[in-house]
Amino acid sequence: MQVNREGRTRRRMLAAMMALPAAAAMRAACAQPGWPTQPVKIVVPQGPGSGSDVLARLVGQYLGQILGQPVVVENKVGGGGVIGHEAVLRGHDNHTFVFSSTAPLFVVPALNKAAVYRYADFVPVASVMQAPFVVLVPNTETAPKTLKELIASLRAKPQAYSSAGYGTMTHLASQMLLQSAGVKATHVPYKGSGASLNDLIGQQVSFSTDSLTASMPLIKGGRLRPLAVTGPRREKSLPDVPTLEESGFAGLRIAVIGGLFAPRDATQPAIDGMAEAMATVMRNPEVRQRFATLETEPLNVSRQDFAALMAKEEPRWVAAAAQLEPESRQ
């Protein structure tokens, strides 16, 4: 027994010694002169346990090893993201970033009069994720079997669709689809995806567009039928479900895109240092595997490509928000 314990101890020491050069090499590869000089903070404008929170904490675990400084994830909830984003803008310490995405950056400022920030106040630093939606109907014999059938049904008679709430991405995703199809339907908002999808199952509404994370348990349980996914390619978890483009909507892609953003006045060493560190994190096979279990597609593109992608997305979502009914505005 003593020999075994000594052997295990030696193996652990050897493994630790071998890991030190690798960690040092990662830190050296991402080093920027004078940065970071203190713990790095990632502000999540959503609550603990939210999708953004889970992803921020996941990448934060690996960032700390690369940067050589603790990485703290802090939740600042309120106003659909307003409080978190404005707190980051007030920081001015070059060590605070916000984990943000399409909705709080583009939609919230367009709808919420209390939001004094705009997308132009931030600079994209590192891409993290891309999360498409799925178009759903009740899994019944009478419900449409394809997206083409759904559109034909909506065109034939007035019907309703549900969402997780006015101005949410689930609302806007359905609006984009309807507009592209040239049909209309009555919007029924709920307080969250759970209530929305529950009434879809109960056939109180005809269809809904929601996240894979919220929908997959109900799809696997046979309660909802997926008609199409809204991303650029089919989902591994739903290989038989076509994309919107495959369903006849050429060029229509709808997804939440997110990552890390810094205040516009952040220094270049801080921006470059975080961008380089995040690129290393996003290449990590363990990180990518964790993303797969969360039904979220990792997105690892250059900082320049990330900025170009967000610049392309902004007018689409601002325009979609502008078309909402007046009652949806705060």
Protein backbone atom coordinates (compact mmCIF):
# COMPACT_ATOMS: atom_id res chain seq x y z
CA MET A 1 0.00 0.00 0.00
CA GLN A 2 2.83 2.39 0.87
CA VAL A 3 4.50 1.75 -2.48
CA ASN A 4 1.23 2.40 -4.32
CA ARG A 5 0.71 5.69 -2.46
CA GLU A 6 4.26 6.80 -3.21
CA GLY A 7 3.79 5.85 -6.87
CA ARG A 8 0.58 7.86 -7.13
CA THR A 9 2.26 10.83 -5.45
CA ARG A 10 5.17 10.74 -7.88
CA ARG A 11 2.80 10.51 -10.84
CA ARG A 12 0.81 13.52 -9.61
CA MET A 13 3.99 15.54 -9.08
CA LEU A 14 5.24 14.59 -12.55
CA ALA A 15 1.91 15.57 -14.13
CA ALA A 16 1.95 18.91 -12.31
CA MET A 17 5.53 19.60 -13.43
CA MET A 18 4.62 18.80 -17.04
CA ALA A 19 1.58 21.09 -16.89
CA LEU A 20 3.60 24.10 -15.72
CA PRO A 21 5.45 24.69 -19.00
CA ALA A 22 2.20 24.32 -20.97
CA ALA A 23 0.40 26.87 -18.79
CA ALA A 24 3.38 29.20 -18.98
CA ALA A 25 3.46 28.83 -22.76
CA MET A 26 -0.24 29.71 -23.04
CA ARG A 27 0.26 32.78 -20.86
CA ALA A 28 3.29 33.85 -22.90
CA ALA A 29 1.40 33.42 -26.18
CA CYS A 30 -1.40 35.68 -24.96
CA ALA A 31 0.73 38.18 -23.07
CA GLN A 32 0.17 41.88 -23.70
CA PRO A 33 2.51 44.46 -22.15
CA GLY A 34 1.03 45.67 -18.89
CA TRP A 35 -2.15 43.60 -19.11
CA PRO A 36 -3.71 42.11 -17.10
CA THR A 37 -2.47 43.66 -13.88
CA GLN A 38 -5.44 42.64 -11.71
CA PRO A 39 -8.32 40.14 -11.67
CA VAL A 40 -10.48 40.16 -14.78
CA LYS A 41 -14.25 40.55 -14.44
CA ILE A 42 -16.92 39.27 -16.84
CA VAL A 43 -20.31 40.87 -16.24
CA VAL A 44 -23.34 38.77 -17.18
CA PRO A 45 -26.51 40.89 -17.56
CA GLN A 46 -28.69 37.81 -16.89
CA GLY A 47 -29.25 35.82 -13.72
CA PRO A 48 -27.34 32.83 -12.34
CA GLY A 49 -28.08 29.66 -14.27
CA SER A 50 -29.06 31.48 -17.48
CA GLY A 51 -27.48 30.39 -20.75
CA SER A 52 -25.13 33.37 -20.78
CA ASP A 53 -24.15 32.75 -17.18
CA VAL A 54 -23.31 29.09 -17.82
CA LEU A 55 -21.18 29.92 -20.86
CA ALA A 56 -19.40 32.81 -19.14
CA ARG A 57 -18.45 30.61 -16.21
CA LEU A 58 -17.32 27.86 -18.55
CA VAL A 59 -14.88 30.05 -20.49
CA GLY A 60 -13.89 31.86 -17.29
CA GLN A 61 -12.48 28.66 -15.83
CA TYR A 62 -9.97 28.38 -18.66
CA LEU A 63 -9.28 32.10 -19.05
CA GLY A 64 -7.83 32.34 -15.57
CA GLN A 65 -5.21 29.70 -16.38
CA ILE A 66 -4.18 31.51 -19.56
CA LEU A 67 -4.17 35.09 -18.23
CA GLY A 68 -2.48 34.28 -14.95
CA GLN A 69 -5.11 36.29 -13.06
CA PRO A 70 -8.39 35.28 -11.41
CA VAL A 71 -11.45 35.64 -13.66
CA VAL A 72 -14.61 36.63 -11.78
CA VAL A 73 -18.08 36.25 -13.28
CA GLU A 74 -20.56 38.75 -11.84
CA ASN A 75 -24.30 38.79 -12.49
CA LYS A 76 -25.88 42.24 -12.82
CA VAL A 77 -29.55 41.71 -13.62
CA GLY A 78 -32.23 44.20 -14.59
CA GLY A 79 -33.88 46.05 -17.46
CA GLY A 80 -33.35 43.24 -19.94
CA GLY A 81 -29.59 43.81 -19.73
CA VAL A 82 -29.55 47.57 -19.20
CA ILE A 83 -28.04 47.48 -15.69
CA GLY A 84 -25.22 45.12 -16.63
CA HIS A 85 -24.19 46.94 -19.78
CA GLU A 86 -24.24 50.36 -18.17
CA ALA A 87 -22.21 49.07 -15.21
CA VAL A 88 -19.49 47.95 -17.61
CA LEU A 89 -19.45 51.33 -19.33
CA ARG A 90 -18.94 53.00 -15.94
CA GLY A 91 -16.04 50.68 -15.07
CA HIS A 92 -13.16 52.24 -17.04
CA ASP A 93 -10.59 49.82 -15.59
CA ASN A 94 -9.63 47.81 -18.73
CA HIS A 95 -10.30 44.60 -16.81
CA THR A 96 -14.11 44.45 -17.05
CA PHE A 97 -15.96 42.92 -20.00
CA VAL A 98 -19.58 42.10 -20.64
CA PHE A 99 -20.83 38.76 -21.93
CA SER A 100 -23.51 39.95 -24.31
CA SER A 101 -25.45 38.97 -27.41
CA THR A 102 -27.88 40.06 -30.09
CA ALA A 103 -30.88 40.89 -27.89
CA PRO A 104 -29.36 43.17 -25.22
CA LEU A 105 -27.05 44.86 -27.73
CA PHE A 106 -29.51 45.54 -30.56
CA VAL A 107 -33.09 44.94 -29.44
CA VAL A 108 -33.17 46.27 -25.87
CA PRO A 109 -31.80 49.74 -26.75
CA ALA A 110 -34.38 49.94 -29.55
CA LEU A 111 -37.31 49.06 -27.30
CA ASN A 112 -36.41 50.18 -23.79
CA LYS A 113 -36.42 53.94 -23.26
CA ALA A 114 -34.47 53.45 -20.03
CA ALA A 115 -31.46 52.16 -21.97
CA VAL A 116 -28.97 54.98 -22.43
CA TYR A 117 -26.31 52.74 -23.98
CA ARG A 118 -26.06 51.78 -27.65
CA TYR A 119 -24.12 49.09 -29.48
CA ALA A 120 -21.66 51.76 -30.64
CA ASP A 121 -20.58 52.18 -27.00
CA PHE A 122 -18.95 48.74 -27.08
CA VAL A 123 -16.24 47.02 -29.11
CA PRO A 124 -16.45 43.30 -30.00
CA VAL A 125 -13.55 41.45 -28.40
CA ALA A 126 -14.14 37.71 -28.77
CA SER A 127 -16.86 35.58 -30.34
CA VAL A 128 -18.22 32.77 -28.15
CA MET A 129 -21.49 31.33 -29.38
CA GLN A 130 -24.12 31.11 -32.06
CA ALA A 131 -27.52 29.73 -31.11
CA PRO A 132 -30.17 29.20 -33.79
CA PHE A 133 -33.85 28.59 -33.11
CA VAL A 134 -36.27 25.86 -34.09
CA VAL A 135 -39.79 26.31 -35.51
CA LEU A 136 -42.21 24.13 -33.55
CA VAL A 137 -45.77 22.83 -33.73
CA PRO A 138 -47.68 20.40 -31.48
CA ASN A 139 -46.83 16.79 -32.17
CA THR A 140 -50.32 15.78 -33.25
CA GLU A 141 -51.71 14.08 -36.35
CA THR A 142 -53.46 17.24 -37.50
CA ALA A 143 -50.53 19.65 -37.03
CA PRO A 144 -48.41 20.55 -40.10
CA LYS A 145 -45.65 18.10 -40.99
CA THR A 146 -43.45 20.64 -42.81
CA LEU A 147 -42.77 24.36 -42.70
CA LYS A 148 -44.39 24.69 -46.12
CA GLU A 149 -47.58 23.17 -44.70
CA LEU A 150 -47.48 25.53 -41.73
CA ILE A 151 -47.18 28.61 -43.94
CA ALA A 152 -50.02 27.38 -46.15
CA SER A 153 -52.17 26.83 -43.06
CA LEU A 154 -51.44 30.34 -41.75
CA ARG A 155 -52.30 31.80 -45.13
CA ALA A 156 -55.59 29.90 -45.25
CA LYS A 157 -57.02 31.03 -41.89
CA PRO A 158 -56.18 33.35 -38.95
CA GLN A 159 -54.05 31.68 -36.29
CA ALA A 160 -51.80 32.59 -33.37
CA TYR A 161 -48.22 31.93 -32.30
CA SER A 162 -46.59 32.12 -28.88
CA SER A 163 -43.32 33.54 -27.62
CA ALA A 164 -41.38 33.93 -24.39
CA GLY A 165 -42.48 37.57 -24.23
CA TYR A 166 -42.85 40.80 -26.19
CA GLY A 167 -39.61 41.89 -27.79
CA THR A 168 -37.79 38.66 -26.95
CA MET A 169 -35.69 36.87 -29.53
CA THR A 170 -38.36 34.16 -29.78
CA HIS A 171 -40.88 36.85 -30.70
CA LEU A 172 -38.65 38.51 -33.27
CA ALA A 173 -37.56 35.20 -34.79
CA SER A 174 -41.18 34.32 -35.56
CA GLN A 175 -41.79 37.85 -36.87
CA MET A 176 -38.86 37.51 -39.28
CA LEU A 177 -40.19 34.19 -40.52
CA LEU A 178 -43.72 35.51 -41.02
CA GLN A 179 -42.48 38.59 -42.83
CA SER A 180 -40.32 36.49 -45.15
CA ALA A 181 -43.30 34.23 -45.89
CA GLY A 182 -45.62 37.17 -46.47
CA VAL A 183 -48.22 35.95 -43.97
CA LYS A 184 -49.55 37.21 -40.65
CA ALA A 185 -50.47 35.60 -37.34
CA THR A 186 -51.57 36.89 -33.94
CA HIS A 187 -48.81 37.12 -31.35
CA VAL A 188 -49.52 35.71 -27.89
CA PRO A 189 -46.74 36.61 -25.41
CA TYR A 190 -45.93 34.61 -22.30
CA LYS A 191 -43.58 35.07 -19.37
CA GLY A 192 -40.86 32.70 -20.46
CA SER A 193 -40.39 29.78 -22.83
CA GLY A 194 -41.84 27.25 -20.40
CA ALA A 195 -45.32 28.78 -20.41
CA SER A 196 -45.16 29.50 -24.15
CA LEU A 197 -44.28 25.95 -25.13
CA ASN A 198 -46.71 24.47 -22.64
CA ASP A 199 -49.61 26.22 -24.37
CA LEU A 200 -48.24 25.20 -27.74
CA ILE A 201 -48.38 21.59 -26.59
CA GLY A 202 -51.96 22.25 -25.45
CA GLN A 203 -52.76 23.60 -28.95
CA GLN A 204 -53.75 27.03 -27.63
CA VAL A 205 -51.54 28.43 -30.41
CA SER A 206 -50.44 27.04 -33.75
CA PHE A 207 -46.67 27.42 -33.65
CA SER A 208 -43.71 28.91 -31.84
CA THR A 209 -40.06 29.61 -32.53
CA ASP A 210 -37.78 28.92 -29.59
CA SER A 211 -34.28 27.89 -28.57
CA LEU A 212 -32.94 24.37 -28.89
CA THR A 213 -32.10 24.42 -25.19
CA ALA A 214 -35.72 25.03 -24.19
CA SER A 215 -37.22 22.81 -26.89
CA MET A 216 -35.10 19.67 -27.03
CA PRO A 217 -36.54 17.92 -23.93
CA LEU A 218 -40.06 18.41 -25.34
CA ILE A 219 -39.01 17.29 -28.82
CA LYS A 220 -37.31 14.17 -27.46
CA GLY A 221 -40.34 13.52 -25.27
CA GLY A 222 -42.57 13.50 -28.34
CA ARG A 223 -44.63 16.51 -27.30
CA LEU A 224 -43.44 18.98 -29.94
CA ARG A 225 -42.61 18.54 -33.63
CA PRO A 226 -39.69 20.53 -35.10
CA LEU A 227 -40.33 21.79 -38.64
CA ALA A 228 -37.12 23.72 -39.32
CA VAL A 229 -33.99 25.01 -37.66
CA THR A 230 -33.06 28.63 -38.32
CA GLY A 231 -29.27 28.37 -38.49
CA PRO A 232 -26.98 28.00 -41.52
CA ARG A 233 -26.82 24.20 -41.27
CA ARG A 234 -28.71 21.27 -39.80
CA GLU A 235 -28.25 20.60 -36.11
CA LYS A 236 -26.43 17.46 -35.00
CA SER A 237 -29.15 16.83 -32.43
CA LEU A 238 -31.85 17.15 -35.14
CA PRO A 239 -30.23 15.71 -38.27
CA ASP A 240 -33.54 15.07 -40.07
CA VAL A 241 -34.88 18.61 -39.56
CA PRO A 242 -34.19 20.96 -42.50
CA THR A 243 -32.95 24.53 -42.28
CA LEU A 244 -35.05 27.52 -43.30
CA GLU A 245 -33.06 27.74 -46.52
CA GLU A 246 -33.74 24.10 -47.30
CA SER A 247 -37.41 24.78 -46.61
CA GLY A 248 -37.61 27.43 -49.32
CA PHE A 249 -36.47 30.59 -47.49
CA ALA A 250 -33.29 31.42 -49.38
CA GLY A 251 -30.83 33.50 -47.38
CA LEU A 252 -32.92 33.51 -44.18
CA ARG A 253 -30.86 32.66 -41.13
CA ILE A 254 -31.84 33.58 -37.58
CA ALA A 255 -29.57 33.06 -34.59
CA VAL A 256 -28.43 34.65 -31.36
CA ILE A 257 -24.77 35.60 -31.65
CA GLY A 258 -22.77 36.42 -28.54
CA GLY A 259 -19.37 36.91 -27.02
CA LEU A 260 -17.27 39.27 -24.95
CA PHE A 261 -17.42 43.05 -25.42
CA ALA A 262 -15.40 45.88 -23.92
CA PRO A 263 -16.23 49.57 -23.50
CA ARG A 264 -15.33 51.56 -26.58
CA ASP A 265 -12.55 53.40 -24.70
CA ALA A 266 -10.76 50.21 -23.54
CA THR A 267 -7.05 50.14 -24.31
CA GLN A 268 -5.69 48.08 -27.19
CA PRO A 269 -3.55 45.82 -24.93
CA ALA A 270 -6.69 44.88 -22.97
CA ILE A 271 -8.70 44.18 -26.13
CA ASP A 272 -5.91 42.23 -27.83
CA GLY A 273 -4.99 40.32 -24.68
CA MET A 274 -8.52 39.12 -24.05
CA ALA A 275 -9.07 38.33 -27.74
CA GLU A 276 -5.95 36.16 -27.90
CA ALA A 277 -6.75 34.39 -24.65
CA MET A 278 -10.33 33.68 -25.73
CA ALA A 279 -9.17 32.30 -29.07
CA THR A 280 -7.09 29.75 -27.14
CA VAL A 281 -10.04 28.89 -24.89
CA MET A 282 -12.42 28.40 -27.81
CA ARG A 283 -10.00 25.99 -29.50
CA ASN A 284 -9.96 23.77 -26.42
CA PRO A 285 -11.67 20.41 -27.21
CA GLU A 286 -13.06 20.18 -23.67
CA VAL A 287 -14.76 23.56 -24.04
CA ARG A 288 -16.24 22.64 -27.41
CA GLN A 289 -17.58 19.39 -25.99
CA ARG A 290 -19.30 21.24 -23.16
CA PHE A 291 -20.92 23.55 -25.71
CA ALA A 292 -22.36 20.51 -27.49
CA THR A 293 -24.08 19.33 -24.31
CA LEU A 294 -25.70 22.78 -24.00
CA GLU A 295 -27.19 22.67 -27.54
CA THR A 296 -25.09 25.75 -28.36
CA GLU A 297 -22.70 26.13 -31.26
CA PRO A 298 -19.28 27.52 -30.34
CA LEU A 299 -18.22 30.45 -32.49
CA ASN A 300 -14.51 31.12 -32.84
CA VAL A 301 -13.70 33.71 -35.48
CA SER A 302 -11.16 36.51 -35.55
CA ARG A 303 -11.95 39.74 -33.72
CA GLN A 304 -12.24 41.52 -37.06
CA ASP A 305 -14.65 38.92 -38.44
CA PHE A 306 -16.68 39.02 -35.24
CA ALA A 307 -17.00 42.80 -35.53
CA ALA A 308 -18.03 42.48 -39.18
CA LEU A 309 -20.64 39.84 -38.30
CA MET A 310 -22.17 41.96 -35.53
CA ALA A 311 -22.22 45.02 -37.80
CA LYS A 312 -24.15 42.97 -40.35
CA GLU A 313 -26.62 41.68 -37.74
CA GLU A 314 -27.39 45.05 -36.13
CA PRO A 315 -29.64 46.56 -38.82
CA ARG A 316 -31.63 43.32 -39.16
CA TRP A 317 -32.59 43.19 -35.49
CA VAL A 318 -33.12 46.92 -35.08
CA ALA A 319 -35.48 46.83 -38.06
CA ALA A 320 -37.32 43.82 -36.64
CA ALA A 321 -37.73 45.57 -33.29
CA ALA A 322 -39.02 48.71 -35.01
CA GLN A 323 -41.85 46.71 -36.56
CA LEU A 324 -43.25 45.47 -33.25
CA GLU A 325 -46.63 46.65 -32.07
CA PRO A 326 -46.45 49.86 -29.94
CA GLU A 327 -47.66 47.99 -26.84
CA SER A 328 -44.44 45.98 -26.81
CA ARG A 329 -42.33 49.08 -26.16
CA GLN A 330 -41.36 50.13 -22.67
